[in-house]
Amino acid sequence: MGYVIIGAIIGAFVAVVYVIAKKDAKERDEMVSKLSEEQKERLMNTEVEFVESNAWVQDAMVAKIVEKGTKYDLRLLWYNKTLENNEYNTITIADVSVTKAEQQEHALKVGDFVKFYFAPEKTVGSVKIVF
């Protein structure tokens, strides 16, 4: 009986992860379809600058901004030419938060290009905008 319960819990977790991944993929596809050819080219031609082992800085485009209390959650589009996974050589999504002061100081809006730091092996501070 215990195995059935554990199996059901694991199955539910897998189903939730699948639904979230499917939703993110759909949102990414919609965002990418709205990009101009110039925006796509700029993302695809961005230079990747490694700043430490398996961490780099490159261009990304602000695709969505959502206010969350004292901060803003930003959804960035960036071209993955570094991580050899199922999104290699495609425009993909990164999520980052900035304070309201940072957003106002830099007047960030949808369509702006920013430099972002990405360190996929870190758990804290793995994605941030470099101002």
Protein backbone atom coordinates (compact mmCIF):
# COMPACT_ATOMS: atom_id res chain seq x y z
CA MET A 1 0.00 0.00 0.00
CA GLY A 2 2.88 2.36 0.82
CA TYR A 3 4.37 1.86 -2.64
CA VAL A 4 1.09 2.89 -4.26
CA ILE A 5 0.99 6.13 -2.27
CA ILE A 6 4.64 6.93 -3.06
CA GLY A 7 4.02 6.12 -6.73
CA ALA A 8 0.98 8.40 -6.80
CA ILE A 9 2.95 11.26 -5.23
CA ILE A 10 5.81 10.86 -7.70
CA GLY A 11 3.35 10.61 -10.59
CA ALA A 12 1.61 13.81 -9.50
CA PHE A 13 4.95 15.62 -9.24
CA VAL A 14 5.97 14.49 -12.73
CA ALA A 15 2.60 15.61 -14.12
CA VAL A 16 2.95 19.09 -12.55
CA VAL A 17 6.49 19.50 -13.93
CA TYR A 18 5.30 18.40 -17.39
CA VAL A 19 2.39 20.88 -17.41
CA ILE A 20 4.64 23.77 -16.31
CA ALA A 21 7.28 22.90 -18.94
CA LYS A 22 4.61 22.71 -21.65
CA LYS A 23 3.20 26.10 -20.60
CA ASP A 24 6.67 27.71 -20.65
CA ALA A 25 7.41 26.25 -24.09
CA LYS A 26 4.13 27.64 -25.45
CA GLU A 27 4.84 31.08 -23.96
CA ARG A 28 8.38 31.05 -25.38
CA ASP A 29 7.12 30.11 -28.83
CA GLU A 30 4.57 32.96 -28.73
CA MET A 31 7.23 35.48 -27.62
CA VAL A 32 9.71 34.35 -30.28
CA SER A 33 7.06 34.50 -33.01
CA LYS A 34 6.51 38.20 -32.19
CA LEU A 35 10.21 39.10 -32.60
CA SER A 36 11.32 41.08 -35.63
CA GLU A 37 14.05 39.66 -37.83
CA GLU A 38 16.45 42.32 -36.48
CA GLN A 39 15.74 41.26 -32.88
CA LYS A 40 16.26 37.59 -33.74
CA GLU A 41 19.52 38.39 -35.53
CA ARG A 42 20.81 40.45 -32.61
CA LEU A 43 20.07 37.62 -30.17
CA MET A 44 21.61 34.99 -32.45
CA ASN A 45 24.76 37.05 -33.07
CA THR A 46 25.41 37.99 -29.44
CA GLU A 47 28.90 37.42 -28.10
CA VAL A 48 29.26 35.09 -25.14
CA GLU A 49 31.83 36.35 -22.65
CA PHE A 50 32.90 33.77 -20.08
CA VAL A 51 33.57 35.48 -16.74
CA GLU A 52 34.26 32.38 -14.67
CA SER A 53 34.11 28.62 -15.11
CA ASN A 54 30.71 27.77 -16.61
CA ALA A 55 29.34 31.33 -16.13
CA TRP A 56 29.01 33.97 -18.80
CA VAL A 57 27.53 37.31 -19.83
CA GLN A 58 25.62 37.86 -23.06
CA ASP A 59 22.80 39.94 -24.54
CA ALA A 60 19.17 39.19 -23.83
CA MET A 61 15.92 40.96 -24.61
CA VAL A 62 13.27 41.87 -22.06
CA ALA A 63 10.14 40.04 -23.22
CA LYS A 64 7.85 40.44 -20.22
CA ILE A 65 7.73 42.53 -17.03
CA VAL A 66 5.46 41.69 -14.09
CA GLU A 67 5.28 43.82 -10.93
CA LYS A 68 5.61 41.74 -7.74
CA GLY A 69 5.45 43.94 -4.64
CA THR A 70 8.85 45.61 -4.17
CA LYS A 71 10.38 44.12 -7.32
CA TYR A 72 9.74 43.28 -10.94
CA ASP A 73 9.98 39.81 -12.42
CA LEU A 74 11.41 39.93 -15.93
CA ARG A 75 11.27 37.23 -18.56
CA LEU A 76 14.26 37.48 -20.87
CA LEU A 77 14.78 35.93 -24.28
CA TRP A 78 18.35 34.85 -25.05
CA TYR A 79 20.06 32.70 -27.67
CA ASN A 80 21.51 29.50 -26.24
CA LYS A 81 24.78 28.75 -27.96
CA THR A 82 26.49 27.42 -24.83
CA LEU A 83 24.38 24.80 -23.03
CA GLU A 84 24.14 21.67 -25.11
CA ASN A 85 20.62 20.63 -24.15
CA ASN A 86 17.26 20.41 -25.94
CA GLU A 87 17.25 24.22 -26.37
CA TYR A 88 20.76 24.45 -27.87
CA ASN A 89 20.97 26.91 -30.78
CA THR A 90 17.51 28.31 -30.09
CA ILE A 91 16.06 31.42 -28.50
CA THR A 92 14.98 30.49 -25.01
CA ILE A 93 13.75 32.01 -21.72
CA ALA A 94 15.48 33.14 -18.55
CA ASP A 95 13.70 34.60 -15.53
CA VAL A 96 15.24 37.33 -13.39
CA SER A 97 14.08 39.80 -10.74
CA VAL A 98 15.11 43.43 -10.31
CA THR A 99 14.19 45.96 -7.68
CA LYS A 100 11.79 48.75 -8.53
CA ALA A 101 14.68 51.21 -8.10
CA GLU A 102 16.82 49.31 -10.65
CA GLN A 103 13.93 49.14 -13.11
CA GLN A 104 13.23 52.85 -12.80
CA GLU A 105 16.91 53.88 -12.87
CA HIS A 106 17.49 51.98 -16.13
CA ALA A 107 13.95 52.55 -17.49
CA LEU A 108 13.64 48.90 -18.47
CA LYS A 109 10.75 48.07 -20.76
CA VAL A 110 9.67 45.24 -23.01
CA GLY A 111 11.89 45.14 -26.10
CA ASP A 112 15.01 46.51 -24.37
CA PHE A 113 18.28 44.64 -24.74
CA VAL A 114 20.31 44.01 -21.59
CA LYS A 115 23.45 42.14 -20.61
CA PHE A 116 22.70 39.22 -18.38
CA TYR A 117 24.89 36.97 -16.28
CA PHE A 118 24.12 33.25 -16.39
CA ALA A 119 25.69 30.58 -14.18
CA PRO A 120 23.62 27.41 -14.59
CA GLU A 121 25.48 25.46 -11.90
CA LYS A 122 24.76 28.00 -9.15
CA THR A 123 21.59 27.80 -7.10
CA VAL A 124 21.58 31.40 -5.86
CA GLY A 125 22.40 34.31 -8.15
CA SER A 126 22.53 32.14 -11.24
CA VAL A 127 20.73 34.67 -13.45
CA LYS A 128 20.97 38.44 -13.11
CA ILE A 129 21.05 41.54 -15.23
CA VAL A 130 24.44 43.27 -15.36
CA PHE A 131 23.93 47.02 -15.05
